[in-house]
Protein backbone atom coordinates (compact mmCIF):
# COMPACT_ATOMS: atom_id res chain seq x y z
CA MET A 1 19.92 13.53 -0.13
CA SER A 2 18.03 10.27 -0.38
CA ALA A 3 14.26 10.39 -0.38
CA ALA A 4 14.09 7.06 1.41
CA CYS A 5 11.87 6.63 4.42
CA ARG A 6 10.61 3.85 6.59
CA ALA A 7 7.01 2.70 6.55
CA PRO A 8 5.33 2.23 9.92
CA ARG A 9 5.97 -1.16 11.47
CA THR A 10 3.24 -3.51 12.55
CA THR A 11 3.42 -5.87 15.52
CA ALA A 12 3.81 -9.54 14.78
CA THR A 13 0.52 -11.40 14.93
CA LYS A 14 -0.66 -14.85 13.98
CA ARG A 15 -1.75 -14.97 10.36
CA ARG A 16 -3.98 -17.42 8.63
CA ALA A 17 -2.31 -19.50 5.94
CA ALA A 18 -4.30 -17.71 3.27
CA GLN A 19 -2.73 -14.41 4.32
CA LEU A 20 0.89 -15.53 4.11
CA THR A 21 1.29 -14.67 0.45
CA VAL A 22 -0.11 -11.20 0.95
CA GLY A 23 2.18 -10.68 3.94
CA ALA A 24 5.18 -11.71 1.88
CA ALA A 25 4.27 -9.17 -0.78
CA VAL A 26 4.07 -6.39 1.78
CA VAL A 27 7.45 -7.37 3.22
CA ALA A 28 8.94 -7.37 -0.28
CA LEU A 29 7.59 -3.89 -0.93
CA ALA A 30 8.99 -2.71 2.39
CA LEU A 31 12.49 -3.36 1.11
CA THR A 32 12.09 -0.55 -1.40
CA ALA A 33 9.28 1.31 0.31
CA CYS A 34 9.31 5.07 -0.01
CA SER A 35 12.63 5.06 -1.83
CA SER A 36 13.96 7.28 -4.60
CA GLY A 37 14.43 4.31 -6.85
CA GLY A 38 14.40 0.54 -7.09
CA THR A 39 15.67 -2.40 -9.03
CA SER A 40 14.62 -2.91 -12.61
CA GLY A 41 13.17 -6.24 -13.51
CA GLY A 42 10.42 -8.48 -12.35
CA GLY A 43 11.23 -11.84 -13.84
CA ASN A 44 12.43 -13.36 -17.09
CA ASN A 45 11.74 -12.22 -20.64
CA THR A 46 10.50 -8.74 -19.78
CA ASN A 47 11.92 -7.25 -23.00
CA PHE A 48 12.02 -3.79 -21.47
CA VAL A 49 14.54 -0.99 -21.87
CA THR A 50 15.54 1.25 -18.96
CA GLY A 51 15.90 4.85 -20.04
CA SER A 52 18.28 7.47 -18.65
CA GLY A 53 15.56 8.68 -16.25
CA GLY A 54 15.12 5.21 -14.74
CA ILE A 55 11.83 4.63 -16.58
CA ASP A 56 11.38 1.14 -18.03
CA THR A 57 9.57 0.93 -21.37
CA VAL A 58 8.42 -1.92 -23.61
CA LYS A 59 7.87 -1.62 -27.33
CA LYS A 60 4.59 -2.66 -28.90
CA GLY A 61 4.46 -6.37 -29.61
CA ASP A 62 6.53 -7.27 -26.55
CA ARG A 63 4.13 -6.00 -23.89
CA HIS A 64 2.31 -8.15 -21.33
CA ASP A 65 -1.36 -7.83 -20.44
CA ALA A 66 -2.05 -5.73 -17.39
CA PRO A 67 -4.11 -7.47 -14.70
CA ASP A 68 -7.74 -6.54 -14.21
CA LEU A 69 -7.83 -4.79 -10.85
CA LYS A 70 -11.08 -4.70 -8.90
CA GLY A 71 -11.78 -3.32 -5.46
CA LYS A 72 -13.15 -0.51 -3.34
CA SER A 73 -12.04 3.08 -3.58
CA LEU A 74 -11.08 5.18 -0.56
CA GLU A 75 -14.67 6.40 -0.60
CA GLY A 76 -16.03 2.84 -0.61
CA LYS A 77 -17.13 2.82 -4.24
CA GLN A 78 -16.42 -0.06 -6.60
CA LEU A 79 -13.47 0.42 -8.97
CA ASP A 80 -12.51 -1.79 -11.92
CA THR A 81 -9.70 -1.07 -14.36
CA ALA A 82 -11.66 -2.91 -17.06
CA ASP A 83 -14.00 0.09 -17.16
CA TYR A 84 -11.17 2.13 -18.68
CA LYS A 85 -10.24 -0.12 -21.60
CA GLY A 86 -9.46 1.98 -24.65
CA LYS A 87 -7.80 4.66 -22.53
CA VAL A 88 -4.19 5.12 -21.52
CA LEU A 89 -4.27 4.13 -17.85
CA VAL A 90 -1.80 5.46 -15.28
CA LEU A 91 -1.61 3.47 -12.03
CA ASN A 92 0.25 5.13 -9.17
CA VAL A 93 1.08 3.13 -6.01
CA TRP A 94 1.28 5.45 -3.00
CA GLY A 95 0.85 5.84 0.75
CA SER A 96 0.02 8.94 2.79
CA TRP A 97 2.95 8.12 5.12
CA CYS A 98 5.49 8.28 2.28
CA PRO A 99 7.37 11.62 1.75
CA PRO A 100 8.29 10.90 -1.91
CA CYS A 101 4.62 10.17 -2.58
CA ARG A 102 3.70 13.55 -1.11
CA ALA A 103 6.38 15.22 -3.24
CA GLU A 104 5.15 13.75 -6.54
CA ALA A 105 1.40 14.05 -5.86
CA PRO A 106 0.97 17.65 -7.17
CA ASN A 107 2.68 16.60 -10.42
CA PHE A 108 0.21 13.74 -10.85
CA ALA A 109 -2.75 16.01 -10.09
CA LYS A 110 -1.66 18.54 -12.74
CA VAL A 111 -0.80 16.04 -15.47
CA ALA A 112 -4.01 14.07 -14.84
CA LYS A 113 -6.07 17.20 -15.46
CA ASP A 114 -4.04 18.20 -18.52
CA THR A 115 -4.21 14.79 -20.23
CA LYS A 116 -7.81 13.80 -19.49
CA SER A 117 -8.98 15.20 -22.84
CA LYS A 118 -6.36 13.02 -24.57
CA GLY A 119 -7.93 9.81 -23.31
CA VAL A 120 -5.73 9.34 -20.25
CA GLN A 121 -7.16 8.05 -16.96
CA PHE A 122 -5.22 8.12 -13.69
CA LEU A 123 -5.97 5.73 -10.81
CA GLY A 124 -4.18 5.48 -7.49
CA ILE A 125 -3.46 2.34 -5.49
CA ASN A 126 -3.22 3.39 -1.85
CA THR A 127 -1.35 0.82 0.21
CA ARG A 128 -0.16 0.31 3.81
CA ASP A 129 -2.40 3.01 5.24
CA THR A 130 -4.17 1.41 8.21
CA SER A 131 -7.35 3.42 7.59
CA THR A 132 -8.78 5.53 4.79
CA SER A 133 -8.82 8.77 6.82
CA PRO A 134 -5.17 9.84 6.29
CA ALA A 135 -5.33 8.74 2.66
CA LYS A 136 -8.44 10.80 1.96
CA GLU A 137 -6.87 13.79 3.71
CA PHE A 138 -3.79 13.33 1.52
CA GLU A 139 -5.89 13.42 -1.65
CA LYS A 140 -7.79 16.49 -0.48
CA ASP A 141 -4.61 18.33 0.47
CA LYS A 142 -2.88 17.53 -2.84
CA GLY A 143 -5.94 18.20 -5.01
CA ILE A 144 -5.97 14.69 -6.52
CA PRO A 145 -8.79 14.63 -9.12
CA TYR A 146 -8.96 10.85 -9.66
CA PRO A 147 -9.97 7.89 -7.47
CA SER A 148 -7.69 5.44 -5.68
CA PHE A 149 -8.10 1.81 -4.75
CA TYR A 150 -7.78 1.17 -1.02
CA ASP A 151 -5.33 -1.75 -0.85
CA PRO A 152 -3.79 -1.71 2.65
CA THR A 153 -2.28 -5.22 2.50
CA GLY A 154 -1.08 -5.13 -1.11
CA LYS A 155 -3.46 -7.73 -2.54
CA LEU A 156 -3.89 -5.82 -5.80
CA LEU A 157 -0.13 -5.58 -6.27
CA LEU A 158 0.04 -9.39 -6.29
CA ARG A 159 -2.11 -9.35 -9.41
CA PHE A 160 0.87 -8.25 -11.49
CA GLU A 161 2.61 -11.32 -12.87
CA LYS A 162 6.33 -11.95 -12.54
CA GLY A 163 8.01 -11.32 -15.85
CA THR A 164 6.07 -8.11 -16.37
CA LEU A 165 6.84 -4.56 -15.30
CA ASN A 166 5.30 -5.08 -11.89
CA PRO A 167 5.35 -2.51 -9.07
CA GLN A 168 8.28 -3.12 -6.70
CA ALA A 169 8.48 0.07 -4.65
CA ILE A 170 6.39 2.80 -3.07
CA PRO A 171 5.87 4.96 -5.03
CA SER A 172 5.64 3.04 -8.31
CA THR A 173 3.91 4.13 -11.50
CA ILE A 174 2.63 1.81 -14.22
CA VAL A 175 1.34 3.01 -17.61
CA VAL A 176 -1.07 0.71 -19.47
CA ASP A 177 -1.66 1.31 -23.18
CA ARG A 178 -5.04 1.51 -24.92
CA GLU A 179 -4.93 -2.24 -25.61
CA GLY A 180 -4.63 -3.04 -21.90
CA LYS A 181 -0.92 -3.90 -21.97
CA ILE A 182 1.84 -2.63 -19.66
CA ALA A 183 3.91 -0.12 -21.62
CA ALA A 184 6.06 1.63 -19.00
CA ARG A 185 7.04 1.63 -15.34
CA SER A 186 8.81 3.90 -12.89
CA LEU A 187 10.03 2.79 -9.46
CA LYS A 188 10.76 6.29 -8.15
CA PRO A 189 8.91 9.56 -7.54
CA LEU A 190 8.32 11.46 -10.76
CA SER A 191 8.69 15.14 -11.58
CA GLU A 192 6.05 16.73 -13.77
CA SER A 193 8.39 16.70 -16.78
CA SER A 194 9.38 13.04 -16.24
CA LEU A 195 5.74 12.00 -15.97
CA ARG A 196 4.87 13.86 -19.18
CA GLU A 197 7.84 12.29 -20.98
CA MET A 198 6.78 8.85 -19.77
CA LEU A 199 3.25 9.35 -21.07
CA ALA A 200 3.86 11.20 -24.35
CA PRO A 201 4.90 8.28 -26.62
CA ILE A 202 2.09 6.08 -25.30
CA ILE A 203 -0.51 8.81 -25.84
CA ALA A 204 0.82 9.24 -29.39
CA GLU A 205 0.37 5.56 -30.27
CA LYS A 206 -2.40 4.70 -32.71
């Protein structure tokens, strides 16, 4: 059975010109929103390999810099990915309205706790929730031990350049190596074992 679901629709309203790009990004994400998979790619010259589990990986030397993401957390505190340089950084794009996100959340909570001592930091990117209340309830219910950016319109997702392993679905997971480069990506919900397998070779890198 497919894990696909539909995100809540919004009524058409007049948008300022400056918001058009953000709106386009949200529409693009809606095409694969809350799905069990997505298309590999993101532009030319990505140099990635798609494994049997649908996880895209890039070998050292071919990786692109991850964007510096800055914004407010669900609790209103300032977050900046630059504060975690030198760590393996796991970025998970999610929404409280998304059943596959709910299914994978306990796996992320467990692996985040287990790998913290190995220099791994998890951060969420909550998107398309119209307020922080359901998102915070989601985190409380799932026991999420790490913070999430509140990015309802997808502005942070636009920071990922074409030609890199950019997020193209909800959920998406991006792994950034200790040098701040994108090393792996998944465009589907992850089991605990798949998440551990995705992280293991990047954690092992020196």
